[in-house]
Amino acid sequence: WHSETELPWRRRLHDQQDNIRAALNWAIQQDHTAAALEMAVGLTNFWSRAGQLHEGRRWLQLLIEGRDSAIPAPLLGQGLRSLGHLTLRQGDYPAASQLYSRALTIYEELGDQHGQMIANINLAICAAERDRPVAARAFNEAALAQARQLGDLPMEANVLHNLFAVILEHEGDLLAANRYGQQALQIWRKLGNEARIAGALNNMGVAQQIQGNTAAAAELFQESLRIRQRLGHELDIAQSECNLALMQHKMGQTAQALAGLGSSLERRYQADYRRGVLECLRSLALVVSALSPASGLKLFAAAEQNRLRLGSAIDRYMRPELARWQNELQSRLIPAEYEQLWRAGGRLQLDNAVSLARQLIAEYVRPADSLDRKAQST
């Protein structure tokens, strides 16, 4: 699932979805739980890449919950990891952590070091998303030692990539983070894994963004986006679109930024990737506020209150910029208006916040030259 060779297979699976659903239903009705779960585990990457998180999660939950005794332990571990992956991508971090912890316990009982390594990687991601950097680094370091002991080069690169993100995000040590990131990128290039190369380029772009190198960051995000568009990975495309759009906004390319964020928002919303939707809403608030401070603030309040309901953390490197932006808005709006807009936005549920974002995009996406001139003049 990591190169252009996957595209024909994904198209074939997409065309055969009715048959796949019928096969899973038949297996469940005939009490062939293990066979059905093995099939669902094999479909997890398809569901993830195609943005069908809800459907995949529903099938895996149906096959695992209350059926543990009918499933061999190694397969149950795989099923829990697959369910954890889709659950994580939907932003349900506590539930994903519980699933991965169950998988880790199974692998420890089996003495399966490879399974333990994968579970540790997954638990590290959950910890990072829940703003628990010490736990995230500990899980990653355990996984890195296991990957090197097993001689598993792809997993070593995966963990190096994750350590890059954790150190960059939570410790601010750019030199150490870049060292891990470059090591990961070298391995992925050696292995020819385009999906992982694109991910590494995206993270290197974040490092440039943190250092204030907007043009360099935009170039890396653009390169990552080109690869991901070629591979057709919907949620990965959405990530690159969102990151690139913020750089375009900073470079005064407001129309392009709004279009990119609109595309990213739709991909993530259709996939029910709530954390990604909230990231798009925050970024849209930043861009829109240059055109209408009131609209930007209302949208940001909606994103923030929905984030708190979800229990998701804002990337640490974005927090100073968001704080500066909020202070600027407070200085441009009278206190009563600020409070009114904040309360109004905070009352919006996620679906309503997305509707507001769509309205604002439709309102402000106009010919690039006039729109960008307006943003630069405000």
Foldseek 3Di string as FASTA:
>chain_A
DQALVCVVVLVVCVVCVVVLVVVLVVCVVVVVLQVSLVVLLVCLVSCQLQLVLVVSLVSLCVSQPPCVVVYPLVSQLSSLQSNLVSCVLLLQLVSSLVSLVVSLVSCVVVVPLVSNLSSLQSNLVSCVFLVNLVSNVVSLVSSLVSCVVVVPLLSNLVSLLSVLQSCVQPVVPLVSSVVSLVVSLVSCVVVVRLLVNLVSLQSVLVSCVLVVNLVSSLVSLVVSLVSCVSNSRLQSNLSSLQSNLLSCLVVLQLLSSLVSLLSSLVSCVSSSSLVSNLSSLLSLLVSCCLQPVLLSLLSNLLSVLQCVVSSTDDRRSCVVVVVVVVVVSPVVDDPVSSVVSNVNSNVDHSVRSVVSSVVSSVVQNDPRVVSSVSSVVD
